[in-house]
Amino acid sequence: MNKYLIIDENGICCGTALTSGEINDSRYILADENFDPINMRWNGESWEDYTPPEPPAPEPDKLDLILEEVRKSREDIVSETEAAYEAALNEAYTEGVNSL
């Protein structure tokens, strides 16, 4: 039985094929039975170490954008409320002290 690794246009293994015969196709690379192609890339002549790039961060969907706006609005409201509460307490304290 022959084990072939199927490579994509970048030389990355994207599948395997077990055959009883030979395959003459540049996308099929004959490999040892125990060869692990993880983090490897075919350079046209041999396998080389390969670290795949980090995938890009997913774009936020509409719900994420809405939730972020709600969070910011809530923070603004809380900050404004706390400032108004603090001002009212200071005013009440000042009036109380002045009335003594």
N, C-alpha and C. Protein backbone atom coordinates (compact mmCIF):
# COMPACT_ATOMS: atom_id res chain seq x y z
N MET A 1 0.85 -1.17 0.00
CA MET A 1 0.00 0.00 0.00
C MET A 1 0.90 1.23 0.00
N ASN A 2 0.58 2.21 -0.84
CA ASN A 2 1.33 3.46 -0.93
C ASN A 2 0.53 4.59 -0.28
N LYS A 3 1.22 5.39 0.51
CA LYS A 3 0.59 6.55 1.13
C LYS A 3 1.06 7.80 0.38
N TYR A 4 0.09 8.53 -0.15
CA TYR A 4 0.38 9.78 -0.83
C TYR A 4 -0.24 10.93 -0.04
N LEU A 5 0.51 12.02 0.05
CA LEU A 5 -0.01 13.24 0.66
C LEU A 5 -0.42 14.16 -0.47
N ILE A 6 -1.62 14.66 -0.39
CA ILE A 6 -2.15 15.55 -1.43
C ILE A 6 -1.83 16.98 -0.98
N ILE A 7 -1.16 17.74 -1.84
CA ILE A 7 -0.77 19.09 -1.47
C ILE A 7 -1.57 20.12 -2.27
N ASP A 8 -1.77 21.29 -1.64
CA ASP A 8 -2.46 22.38 -2.33
C ASP A 8 -1.43 23.24 -3.08
N GLU A 9 -1.87 24.35 -3.64
CA GLU A 9 -0.99 25.21 -4.43
C GLU A 9 0.12 25.85 -3.61
N ASN A 10 0.01 25.81 -2.27
CA ASN A 10 1.04 26.37 -1.38
C ASN A 10 1.98 25.31 -0.82
N GLY A 11 1.80 24.06 -1.23
CA GLY A 11 2.63 22.98 -0.74
C GLY A 11 2.19 22.42 0.59
N ILE A 12 1.01 22.80 1.04
CA ILE A 12 0.47 22.34 2.32
C ILE A 12 -0.36 21.08 2.09
N CYS A 13 -0.16 20.09 2.95
CA CYS A 13 -0.93 18.85 2.83
C CYS A 13 -2.40 19.12 3.15
N CYS A 14 -3.26 18.73 2.24
CA CYS A 14 -4.69 18.93 2.45
C CYS A 14 -5.46 17.61 2.40
N GLY A 15 -4.72 16.49 2.33
CA GLY A 15 -5.39 15.19 2.32
C GLY A 15 -4.39 14.07 2.11
N THR A 16 -4.89 12.85 2.21
CA THR A 16 -4.06 11.68 1.98
C THR A 16 -4.78 10.71 1.05
N ALA A 17 -3.99 9.88 0.44
CA ALA A 17 -4.55 8.84 -0.43
C ALA A 17 -3.74 7.57 -0.23
N LEU A 18 -4.43 6.47 0.00
CA LEU A 18 -3.77 5.17 0.09
C LEU A 18 -4.11 4.41 -1.18
N THR A 19 -3.07 3.98 -1.87
CA THR A 19 -3.30 3.29 -3.15
C THR A 19 -2.47 2.03 -3.23
N SER A 20 -2.89 1.15 -4.08
CA SER A 20 -2.08 -0.05 -4.34
C SER A 20 -1.14 0.18 -5.51
N GLY A 21 -1.38 1.27 -6.23
CA GLY A 21 -0.54 1.58 -7.39
C GLY A 21 0.16 2.91 -7.23
N GLU A 22 0.83 3.30 -8.31
CA GLU A 22 1.59 4.55 -8.31
C GLU A 22 0.73 5.67 -8.87
N ILE A 23 0.91 6.89 -8.35
CA ILE A 23 0.20 8.06 -8.85
C ILE A 23 1.24 9.01 -9.45
N ASN A 24 1.02 9.40 -10.68
CA ASN A 24 1.92 10.34 -11.35
C ASN A 24 1.21 11.68 -11.50
N ASP A 25 1.20 12.42 -10.41
CA ASP A 25 0.57 13.72 -10.38
C ASP A 25 1.37 14.57 -9.39
N SER A 26 1.77 15.79 -9.77
CA SER A 26 2.63 16.61 -8.92
C SER A 26 1.96 17.01 -7.62
N ARG A 27 0.63 16.87 -7.54
CA ARG A 27 -0.08 17.21 -6.29
C ARG A 27 -0.06 16.07 -5.28
N TYR A 28 0.40 14.91 -5.69
CA TYR A 28 0.46 13.73 -4.82
C TYR A 28 1.92 13.41 -4.54
N ILE A 29 2.30 13.46 -3.26
CA ILE A 29 3.68 13.22 -2.85
C ILE A 29 3.73 11.91 -2.07
N LEU A 30 4.54 10.97 -2.55
CA LEU A 30 4.70 9.69 -1.86
C LEU A 30 5.36 9.94 -0.51
N ALA A 31 4.83 9.34 0.54
CA ALA A 31 5.35 9.56 1.90
C ALA A 31 5.48 8.25 2.64
N ASP A 32 6.38 8.24 3.62
CA ASP A 32 6.49 7.09 4.50
C ASP A 32 5.20 6.93 5.28
N GLU A 33 4.91 5.71 5.66
CA GLU A 33 3.67 5.41 6.36
C GLU A 33 3.49 6.23 7.64
N ASN A 34 4.57 6.51 8.37
CA ASN A 34 4.50 7.21 9.65
C ASN A 34 4.79 8.72 9.55
N PHE A 35 4.98 9.24 8.35
CA PHE A 35 5.30 10.66 8.20
C PHE A 35 4.09 11.51 8.56
N ASP A 36 4.32 12.54 9.40
CA ASP A 36 3.26 13.45 9.83
C ASP A 36 3.50 14.81 9.17
N PRO A 37 2.60 15.25 8.29
CA PRO A 37 2.82 16.51 7.57
C PRO A 37 2.39 17.78 8.32
N ILE A 38 1.99 17.63 9.58
CA ILE A 38 1.58 18.80 10.36
C ILE A 38 2.76 19.75 10.48
N ASN A 39 2.52 21.04 10.22
CA ASN A 39 3.55 22.09 10.25
C ASN A 39 4.71 21.80 9.31
N MET A 40 4.40 21.18 8.18
CA MET A 40 5.37 20.92 7.13
C MET A 40 4.81 21.45 5.82
N ARG A 41 5.73 21.79 4.89
CA ARG A 41 5.31 22.28 3.58
C ARG A 41 6.24 21.67 2.53
N TRP A 42 5.66 21.23 1.42
CA TRP A 42 6.41 20.68 0.30
C TRP A 42 6.93 21.85 -0.52
N ASN A 43 8.26 21.92 -0.71
CA ASN A 43 8.86 23.03 -1.45
C ASN A 43 9.12 22.69 -2.92
N GLY A 44 8.63 21.57 -3.35
CA GLY A 44 8.84 21.13 -4.73
C GLY A 44 9.86 20.02 -4.83
N GLU A 45 10.69 19.88 -3.78
CA GLU A 45 11.72 18.84 -3.77
C GLU A 45 11.71 18.04 -2.47
N SER A 46 11.36 18.71 -1.37
CA SER A 46 11.37 18.03 -0.07
C SER A 46 10.42 18.75 0.88
N TRP A 47 10.19 18.12 2.04
CA TRP A 47 9.36 18.73 3.07
C TRP A 47 10.22 19.64 3.92
N GLU A 48 9.68 20.79 4.29
CA GLU A 48 10.38 21.74 5.15
C GLU A 48 9.45 22.16 6.27
N ASP A 49 10.06 22.59 7.38
CA ASP A 49 9.27 23.08 8.50
C ASP A 49 8.48 24.30 8.06
N TYR A 50 7.28 24.42 8.58
CA TYR A 50 6.40 25.52 8.20
C TYR A 50 5.51 25.88 9.38
N THR A 51 5.50 27.16 9.72
CA THR A 51 4.60 27.64 10.75
C THR A 51 3.53 28.47 10.06
N PRO A 52 2.30 28.00 10.07
CA PRO A 52 1.24 28.76 9.40
C PRO A 52 1.03 30.11 10.08
N PRO A 53 0.68 31.13 9.30
CA PRO A 53 0.43 32.44 9.90
C PRO A 53 -0.82 32.40 10.77
N GLU A 54 -0.85 33.30 11.74
CA GLU A 54 -2.03 33.42 12.59
C GLU A 54 -3.21 33.87 11.72
N PRO A 55 -4.35 33.26 11.90
CA PRO A 55 -5.51 33.71 11.13
C PRO A 55 -5.90 35.12 11.56
N PRO A 56 -6.41 35.90 10.63
CA PRO A 56 -6.82 37.26 11.01
C PRO A 56 -7.97 37.21 12.02
N ALA A 57 -8.01 38.24 12.83
CA ALA A 57 -9.10 38.33 13.81
C ALA A 57 -10.42 38.47 13.05
N PRO A 58 -11.44 37.78 13.50
CA PRO A 58 -12.72 37.87 12.79
C PRO A 58 -13.30 39.27 12.90
N GLU A 59 -13.95 39.69 11.85
CA GLU A 59 -14.63 40.98 11.86
C GLU A 59 -15.82 40.90 12.83
N PRO A 60 -16.02 41.94 13.62
CA PRO A 60 -17.17 41.89 14.53
C PRO A 60 -18.48 41.93 13.72
N ASP A 61 -19.44 41.16 14.18
CA ASP A 61 -20.72 41.18 13.49
C ASP A 61 -21.57 42.32 14.05
N LYS A 62 -22.74 42.52 13.47
CA LYS A 62 -23.59 43.64 13.87
C LYS A 62 -23.94 43.59 15.35
N LEU A 63 -24.22 42.40 15.86
CA LEU A 63 -24.58 42.28 17.27
C LEU A 63 -23.42 42.74 18.16
N ASP A 64 -22.18 42.34 17.82
CA ASP A 64 -21.02 42.77 18.60
C ASP A 64 -20.89 44.29 18.59
N LEU A 65 -21.10 44.91 17.42
CA LEU A 65 -21.01 46.36 17.32
C LEU A 65 -22.09 47.05 18.15
N ILE A 66 -23.30 46.52 18.11
CA ILE A 66 -24.40 47.08 18.90
C ILE A 66 -24.11 46.95 20.39
N LEU A 67 -23.64 45.78 20.80
CA LEU A 67 -23.33 45.56 22.22
C LEU A 67 -22.22 46.49 22.70
N GLU A 68 -21.23 46.75 21.85
CA GLU A 68 -20.16 47.67 22.22
C GLU A 68 -20.70 49.08 22.39
N GLU A 69 -21.59 49.51 21.51
CA GLU A 69 -22.20 50.84 21.64
C GLU A 69 -23.04 50.94 22.91
N VAL A 70 -23.77 49.89 23.22
CA VAL A 70 -24.58 49.87 24.46
C VAL A 70 -23.67 49.96 25.67
N ARG A 71 -22.57 49.21 25.65
CA ARG A 71 -21.62 49.24 26.77
C ARG A 71 -21.05 50.65 26.96
N LYS A 72 -20.63 51.27 25.84
CA LYS A 72 -20.09 52.63 25.94
C LYS A 72 -21.14 53.62 26.45
N SER A 73 -22.35 53.51 25.95
CA SER A 73 -23.43 54.39 26.40
C SER A 73 -23.69 54.20 27.87
N ARG A 74 -23.71 52.96 28.32
CA ARG A 74 -23.94 52.66 29.74
C ARG A 74 -22.83 53.26 30.59
N GLU A 75 -21.58 53.13 30.15
CA GLU A 75 -20.47 53.71 30.90
C GLU A 75 -20.61 55.23 30.98
N ASP A 76 -21.01 55.85 29.87
CA ASP A 76 -21.20 57.30 29.86
C ASP A 76 -22.31 57.71 30.83
N ILE A 77 -23.41 56.98 30.81
CA ILE A 77 -24.54 57.29 31.70
C ILE A 77 -24.13 57.13 33.16
N VAL A 78 -23.42 56.04 33.47
CA VAL A 78 -22.97 55.82 34.85
C VAL A 78 -22.03 56.93 35.27
N SER A 79 -21.09 57.32 34.41
CA SER A 79 -20.15 58.40 34.75
C SER A 79 -20.88 59.71 34.98
N GLU A 80 -21.83 60.03 34.10
CA GLU A 80 -22.60 61.27 34.26
C GLU A 80 -23.43 61.23 35.54
N THR A 81 -24.04 60.10 35.85
CA THR A 81 -24.86 59.96 37.04
C THR A 81 -24.00 60.10 38.30
N GLU A 82 -22.84 59.45 38.29
CA GLU A 82 -21.95 59.56 39.45
C GLU A 82 -21.48 61.00 39.64
N ALA A 83 -21.17 61.68 38.55
CA ALA A 83 -20.72 63.08 38.65
C ALA A 83 -21.85 63.96 39.20
N ALA A 84 -23.07 63.76 38.70
CA ALA A 84 -24.21 64.55 39.18
C ALA A 84 -24.48 64.24 40.65
N TYR A 85 -24.40 62.99 41.05
CA TYR A 85 -24.62 62.59 42.45
C TYR A 85 -23.57 63.23 43.35
N GLU A 86 -22.31 63.19 42.92
CA GLU A 86 -21.24 63.78 43.70
C GLU A 86 -21.43 65.30 43.83
N ALA A 87 -21.83 65.95 42.74
CA ALA A 87 -22.07 67.40 42.78
C ALA A 87 -23.22 67.72 43.74
N ALA A 88 -24.28 66.91 43.70
CA ALA A 88 -25.42 67.14 44.59
C ALA A 88 -25.02 66.94 46.04
N LEU A 89 -24.22 65.93 46.33
CA LEU A 89 -23.74 65.71 47.70
C LEU A 89 -22.87 66.87 48.17
N ASN A 90 -21.99 67.34 47.32
CA ASN A 90 -21.13 68.47 47.67
C ASN A 90 -21.97 69.72 47.95
N GLU A 91 -22.97 69.95 47.10
CA GLU A 91 -23.85 71.11 47.29
C GLU A 91 -24.61 71.00 48.60
N ALA A 92 -25.16 69.80 48.88
CA ALA A 92 -25.91 69.60 50.13
C ALA A 92 -24.99 69.77 51.33
N TYR A 93 -23.80 69.27 51.24
CA TYR A 93 -22.84 69.40 52.33
C TYR A 93 -22.50 70.88 52.56
N THR A 94 -22.22 71.57 51.45
CA THR A 94 -21.88 72.99 51.54
C THR A 94 -23.03 73.77 52.14
N GLU A 95 -24.25 73.51 51.69
CA GLU A 95 -25.41 74.20 52.25
C GLU A 95 -25.59 73.87 53.72
N GLY A 96 -25.37 72.63 54.09
CA GLY A 96 -25.50 72.20 55.48
C GLY A 96 -24.47 72.87 56.37
N VAL A 97 -23.24 72.94 55.91
CA VAL A 97 -22.17 73.57 56.68
C VAL A 97 -22.44 75.07 56.81
N ASN A 98 -22.89 75.69 55.73
CA ASN A 98 -23.15 77.14 55.76
C ASN A 98 -24.35 77.50 56.64
N SER A 99 -25.25 76.56 56.85
CA SER A 99 -26.43 76.86 57.65
C SER A 99 -26.15 76.72 59.15
N LEU A 100 -25.00 76.24 59.50
CA LEU A 100 -24.67 76.08 60.92
C LEU A 100 -24.40 77.39 61.57
